[in-house]
Protein backbone atom coordinates (compact mmCIF):
# COMPACT_ATOMS: atom_id res chain seq x y z
CA MET A 1 3.10 71.27 -39.09
CA LYS A 2 6.48 69.81 -38.21
CA ASP A 3 6.66 68.10 -34.79
CA SER A 4 8.74 70.94 -33.35
CA ILE A 5 9.90 74.28 -34.79
CA ARG A 6 12.42 76.61 -33.22
CA VAL A 7 11.43 80.20 -34.00
CA ALA A 8 12.92 83.61 -33.27
CA ALA A 9 11.61 87.18 -33.18
CA ILE A 10 14.53 89.52 -33.89
CA ASN A 11 14.50 93.27 -33.26
CA VAL A 12 16.87 95.20 -35.52
CA GLU A 13 17.55 98.92 -35.86
CA SER A 14 16.91 99.28 -39.59
CA LYS A 15 17.32 102.73 -41.14
CA PRO A 16 15.17 104.19 -43.96
CA GLY A 17 16.93 104.37 -47.29
CA GLU A 18 19.79 102.11 -46.14
CA THR A 19 18.54 98.88 -47.68
CA TRP A 20 21.91 97.20 -48.13
CA SER A 21 23.12 98.01 -44.61
CA ASN A 22 19.80 96.74 -43.30
CA LEU A 23 20.22 93.49 -45.21
CA GLU A 24 23.73 93.09 -43.80
CA LEU A 25 22.24 93.45 -40.33
CA ILE A 26 19.57 90.87 -41.14
CA ALA A 27 22.28 88.51 -42.41
CA GLU A 28 24.28 88.96 -39.21
CA TRP A 29 21.28 88.15 -37.03
CA ALA A 30 20.23 85.26 -39.27
CA GLY A 31 23.65 83.73 -38.65
CA LYS A 32 23.21 84.14 -34.89
CA ALA A 33 19.76 82.57 -35.12
CA ALA A 34 21.11 79.65 -37.12
CA SER A 35 23.76 79.01 -34.47
CA GLU A 36 20.92 78.66 -31.94
CA GLY A 37 19.10 76.13 -34.10
CA VAL A 38 16.41 78.56 -35.23
CA GLU A 39 14.44 77.47 -38.30
CA LEU A 40 12.11 80.47 -38.72
CA ALA A 41 13.13 84.07 -37.97
CA LEU A 42 10.81 87.07 -38.00
CA PHE A 43 12.16 90.60 -38.47
CA PRO A 44 9.98 93.71 -38.03
CA GLU A 45 7.73 95.53 -40.44
CA LEU A 46 9.74 97.39 -43.12
CA SER A 47 13.03 96.07 -41.75
CA ILE A 48 14.58 95.76 -45.23
CA THR A 49 13.93 99.26 -46.58
CA GLY A 50 13.41 100.97 -43.22
CA PHE A 51 10.31 102.59 -41.69
CA ILE A 52 9.25 106.02 -43.00
CA PRO A 53 8.45 108.41 -40.09
CA ASN A 54 5.22 110.22 -40.80
CA HIS A 55 4.57 112.93 -38.20
CA PRO A 56 5.93 116.16 -39.77
CA THR A 57 5.64 119.36 -37.76
CA GLY A 58 6.50 121.88 -40.49
CA ASP A 59 5.15 122.44 -44.01
CA HIS A 60 3.19 119.26 -44.54
CA GLU A 61 2.74 119.64 -48.30
CA ALA A 62 6.45 120.25 -48.94
CA TRP A 63 7.39 117.30 -46.74
CA LEU A 64 4.89 115.01 -48.41
CA ARG A 65 6.14 115.77 -51.93
CA GLU A 66 9.74 115.20 -50.91
CA ALA A 67 8.96 112.04 -48.93
CA LEU A 68 6.86 110.49 -51.71
CA THR A 69 9.65 111.08 -54.21
CA GLU A 70 12.27 109.52 -51.92
CA VAL A 71 10.03 106.57 -51.00
CA ARG A 72 9.49 105.83 -54.68
CA THR A 73 13.26 105.58 -55.19
CA MET A 74 13.55 103.16 -52.24
CA ALA A 75 10.74 100.82 -53.27
CA GLU A 76 11.49 97.58 -55.13
CA PRO A 77 9.36 94.87 -56.70
CA VAL A 78 9.18 91.58 -54.84
CA GLU A 79 9.61 89.42 -57.90
CA GLY A 80 12.92 90.16 -59.58
CA GLY A 81 13.97 92.83 -57.08
CA GLU A 82 17.56 92.89 -55.84
CA ALA A 83 16.58 93.23 -52.17
CA VAL A 84 14.46 90.06 -52.23
CA ARG A 85 17.16 88.20 -54.16
CA THR A 86 19.61 89.17 -51.44
CA LEU A 87 17.20 88.18 -48.67
CA THR A 88 16.74 84.80 -50.35
CA ALA A 89 20.50 84.32 -50.58
CA ILE A 90 20.75 85.02 -46.84
CA ALA A 91 18.06 82.42 -46.15
CA VAL A 92 19.83 79.85 -48.32
CA GLN A 93 23.21 80.51 -46.71
CA SER A 94 21.90 80.48 -43.12
CA LYS A 95 19.42 77.65 -43.74
CA VAL A 96 16.77 79.70 -41.92
CA TRP A 97 13.33 80.76 -43.15
CA ILE A 98 13.49 84.58 -42.92
CA ALA A 99 10.54 86.98 -42.88
CA ALA A 100 11.31 90.69 -43.27
CA GLY A 101 9.41 93.76 -44.45
CA MET A 102 9.88 96.16 -47.33
CA ILE A 103 8.30 98.95 -49.36
CA GLU A 104 7.06 97.15 -52.46
CA ASP A 105 7.00 98.80 -55.86
CA ALA A 106 3.86 97.35 -57.46
CA GLY A 107 3.94 99.66 -60.46
CA ASN A 108 1.34 102.38 -59.99
CA LEU A 109 1.02 101.61 -56.28
CA LEU A 110 3.25 101.05 -53.27
CA HIS A 111 2.60 98.39 -50.64
CA ASN A 112 3.89 97.64 -47.16
CA THR A 113 4.89 94.02 -47.70
CA GLN A 114 6.34 91.21 -45.60
CA VAL A 115 8.45 88.70 -47.53
CA LEU A 116 9.21 85.14 -46.42
CA ALA A 117 12.37 83.72 -48.01
CA GLY A 118 13.21 80.05 -47.62
CA PRO A 119 16.45 78.07 -47.53
CA ASP A 120 15.11 76.24 -50.59
CA GLY A 121 15.13 79.52 -52.54
CA SER A 122 11.36 79.97 -52.45
CA ILE A 123 9.57 83.20 -51.55
CA ALA A 124 6.09 84.15 -50.35
CA TRP A 125 4.78 87.56 -49.42
CA TRP A 126 1.83 89.35 -47.82
CA ARG A 127 0.71 92.95 -48.21
CA LYS A 128 -0.63 95.01 -45.33
CA LEU A 129 -4.41 95.08 -45.67
CA HIS A 130 -5.48 97.93 -43.38
CA ILE A 131 -3.45 101.13 -43.66
CA PRO A 132 -3.59 103.45 -40.62
CA MET A 133 -4.20 107.14 -41.21
CA PHE A 134 -0.62 108.41 -41.04
CA GLU A 135 0.62 105.76 -43.51
CA THR A 136 -2.02 106.35 -46.19
CA PRO A 137 0.13 108.89 -48.12
CA PHE A 138 2.56 106.06 -48.91
CA TYR A 139 0.87 102.66 -49.05
CA ASN A 140 -2.23 101.15 -50.56
CA GLY A 141 -3.93 98.23 -48.84
CA GLY A 142 -3.45 94.75 -50.22
CA HIS A 143 -6.18 92.32 -51.27
CA GLY A 144 -6.56 88.81 -49.93
CA LEU A 145 -4.24 86.69 -47.83
CA GLU A 146 -3.03 83.17 -48.40
CA ALA A 147 -1.25 80.76 -46.11
CA THR A 148 1.89 79.35 -47.68
CA GLU A 149 2.87 75.70 -47.31
CA THR A 150 6.42 75.13 -46.08
CA VAL A 151 8.33 72.19 -44.63
CA LEU A 152 7.77 73.82 -41.22
CA GLY A 153 4.02 74.19 -41.56
CA ARG A 154 1.45 76.56 -43.03
CA ILE A 155 2.59 80.16 -42.48
CA GLY A 156 0.90 83.54 -42.99
CA ALA A 157 1.35 87.15 -41.89
CA ASN A 158 -0.65 90.08 -40.54
CA ILE A 159 1.33 93.33 -40.60
CA CYS A 160 1.07 95.62 -37.55
CA PHE A 161 -2.36 97.37 -37.72
CA ASP A 162 -3.84 94.25 -39.33
CA ALA A 163 -3.38 92.35 -36.06
CA LEU A 164 -5.86 94.68 -34.34
CA ILE A 165 -8.64 93.74 -36.76
CA PRO A 166 -10.04 90.20 -36.24
CA GLU A 167 -10.85 89.50 -39.88
CA SER A 168 -7.17 89.76 -40.84
CA THR A 169 -6.15 86.58 -39.03
CA ARG A 170 -9.41 84.83 -39.85
CA LEU A 171 -8.59 85.18 -43.56
CA LEU A 172 -5.53 83.05 -42.91
CA ALA A 173 -7.34 80.68 -40.56
CA VAL A 174 -9.83 79.63 -43.23
CA GLU A 175 -6.78 78.34 -45.11
CA ASN A 176 -5.64 76.34 -42.07
CA VAL A 177 -2.72 78.56 -41.21
CA GLU A 178 -0.66 77.20 -38.31
CA VAL A 179 1.89 79.95 -37.60
CA VAL A 180 0.99 83.63 -38.05
CA LEU A 181 3.75 86.24 -38.26
CA PHE A 182 2.94 89.61 -36.69
CA PRO A 183 5.64 92.17 -37.68
CA PHE A 184 5.14 95.61 -36.08
CA ALA A 185 6.45 99.16 -36.19
CA ALA A 186 4.54 100.77 -33.33
CA ASP A 187 5.38 103.27 -30.59
CA PRO A 188 2.42 103.54 -28.19
CA ALA A 189 2.89 105.94 -25.28
CA PRO A 190 5.06 106.19 -23.29
CA GLY A 191 7.27 104.63 -25.95
CA THR A 192 8.60 101.58 -24.09
CA ALA A 193 8.71 97.91 -25.07
CA ALA A 194 6.39 97.18 -22.14
CA ALA A 195 3.89 99.72 -23.47
CA TRP A 196 4.02 98.04 -26.89
CA ALA A 197 3.52 94.60 -25.34
CA ASP A 198 0.53 95.81 -23.30
CA TRP A 199 -0.97 97.61 -26.31
CA ALA A 200 -0.47 94.78 -28.83
CA GLY A 201 -0.74 91.83 -26.46
CA THR A 202 -4.52 91.91 -25.96
CA SER A 203 -5.18 91.68 -29.69
CA LEU A 204 -2.42 89.14 -30.32
CA ARG A 205 -3.69 86.80 -27.62
CA ALA A 206 -7.20 87.09 -29.00
CA ARG A 207 -6.16 86.46 -32.63
CA CYS A 208 -4.27 83.30 -31.62
CA GLN A 209 -7.06 81.98 -29.37
CA GLU A 210 -9.86 82.80 -31.84
CA ASN A 211 -8.16 80.83 -34.58
CA GLY A 212 -6.09 78.20 -32.78
CA VAL A 213 -2.74 79.36 -34.21
CA PHE A 214 0.77 80.09 -33.02
CA GLY A 215 1.78 83.75 -33.19
CA LEU A 216 5.23 85.28 -33.61
CA ALA A 217 5.34 89.08 -33.02
CA CYS A 218 8.28 91.46 -33.34
CA ASN A 219 8.38 95.27 -33.04
CA TYR A 220 10.70 97.76 -34.72
CA ALA A 221 13.56 99.13 -32.60
CA GLY A 222 15.54 102.36 -32.69
CA GLU A 223 15.22 105.89 -34.05
CA VAL A 224 14.56 106.63 -37.70
CA GLU A 225 14.95 109.90 -39.61
CA PHE A 226 13.75 110.65 -43.12
CA CYS A 227 13.14 113.94 -44.95
CA GLY A 228 13.59 115.90 -41.73
CA VAL A 229 11.13 113.85 -39.64
CA ARG A 230 12.09 111.56 -36.77
CA GLN A 231 10.34 108.73 -34.95
CA ALA A 232 11.54 106.28 -32.29
CA PHE A 233 10.49 102.68 -31.70
CA PRO A 234 11.03 100.70 -28.47
CA GLY A 235 11.35 97.13 -29.74
CA GLY A 236 9.72 94.26 -27.89
CA SER A 237 8.68 90.78 -29.02
CA MET A 238 6.24 88.05 -28.12
CA ILE A 239 5.64 84.40 -29.02
CA LEU A 240 2.15 83.03 -28.41
CA GLY A 241 0.42 79.68 -28.33
CA PRO A 242 -2.84 78.58 -29.98
CA GLY A 243 -4.77 79.03 -26.74
CA GLY A 244 -3.77 82.70 -26.57
CA GLU A 245 -1.07 81.98 -23.99
CA VAL A 246 2.22 83.90 -24.03
CA ILE A 247 5.01 81.35 -24.49
CA ALA A 248 7.83 83.89 -24.29
CA GLU A 249 8.24 87.65 -24.45
CA ARG A 250 10.93 90.27 -24.48
CA ARG A 251 10.40 93.67 -22.83
CA PRO A 252 13.81 95.34 -22.68
CA GLY A 253 14.00 98.36 -20.38
CA THR A 254 15.96 100.27 -23.00
CA VAL A 255 15.69 100.33 -26.76
CA ASP A 256 18.03 97.69 -28.14
CA ALA A 257 18.31 94.96 -30.72
CA GLY A 258 17.68 91.46 -29.47
CA MET A 259 16.40 87.98 -30.19
CA LEU A 260 13.60 86.00 -28.56
CA ILE A 261 13.59 82.23 -29.16
CA ALA A 262 10.98 79.56 -28.45
CA ASP A 263 10.05 76.07 -29.61
CA LEU A 264 6.61 75.46 -31.10
CA SER A 265 5.14 71.96 -30.78
CA SER A 266 2.62 70.37 -33.13
CA GLU A 267 1.25 68.49 -30.12
CA VAL A 268 0.33 71.80 -28.48
CA LEU A 269 -1.47 72.85 -31.67
CA LEU A 270 -3.30 69.52 -31.86
CA ASN A 271 -4.41 69.74 -28.23
CA ALA A 272 -5.67 73.30 -28.69
CA ARG A 273 -7.73 72.33 -31.72
CA ALA A 274 -9.07 69.24 -29.95
CA ALA A 275 -10.24 71.23 -26.93
CA PRO A 276 -14.02 71.56 -26.40
CA GLU A 277 -13.64 75.36 -26.41
CA TYR A 278 -11.72 75.53 -29.70
CA LEU A 279 -13.47 78.66 -30.95
CA TYR A 280 -12.85 78.30 -34.67
CA ARG A 281 -14.90 75.08 -34.70
CA PHE A 282 -18.04 76.99 -33.76
CA ARG A 283 -17.96 79.58 -36.55
CA ARG A 284 -21.09 79.77 -38.72
CA PRO A 285 -20.32 81.61 -41.96
CA GLU A 286 -23.95 81.46 -43.07
CA LEU A 287 -24.77 84.00 -40.34
CA TYR A 288 -22.10 86.53 -41.26
CA GLY A 289 -23.38 87.92 -44.56
CA PRO A 290 -24.27 91.33 -43.03
CA LEU A 291 -20.58 91.80 -42.12
CA THR A 292 -19.74 92.28 -45.80
CA ASN A 293 -22.38 94.96 -46.36
């Protein structure tokens, strides 16, 4: 990876069905990040199209039919889609690598997808692998993860629930990923940024230490409403080192948009991977066959 990378985790209050307003918000924050010298900016899960709240209290069948119809109209393909073209234009203009989430129209299926757009006009994307119960009406799980080579280093993503499952990050580690993006939309009780950090932090620290990677995590912020259902997210962000250490974190006392910035050093990564207790070095794939049965 590059000797030093300045990264940012940016909480934004994206709204479902308001893709173009959400992209304007992303552009505004990308400009602020660029003014701080940021080279890589992570926005939350589904920050382009907005998160779909999924805890209806009334007629579930009627809600589901309406919500599925509306979600289909919001979804866009990654390749050739207007939202991704706009995100790429923002990255080119701001000269910042930007990762943001969207509902992907993959033809017969929908995916929860995180797109990385580069200042060179390139794009990469990752689909959420493990779909939690309340999201299964909308999204299908993706297949396979690849680390993408950039001028900053090798980058990959695990989306929200994926970060809680060790194999998700290991799939990227076997491709020598160096920076893993962890976009979230989570609201663990009692619904504060501190509660999110405590809930997600244990897994995030483990994923980074297990694999010797930097981690950049960002949670959704604000209230969303869609088809008569509401849900609120507290925000929060965290930047982690390859030893599982927390480099920086943001735990606002109230729900608000904000930006967390840190510098990642290739020397820190080298030292972590040269340490006697570098865990990835001790893996023995020949023993793990039963895990696939």
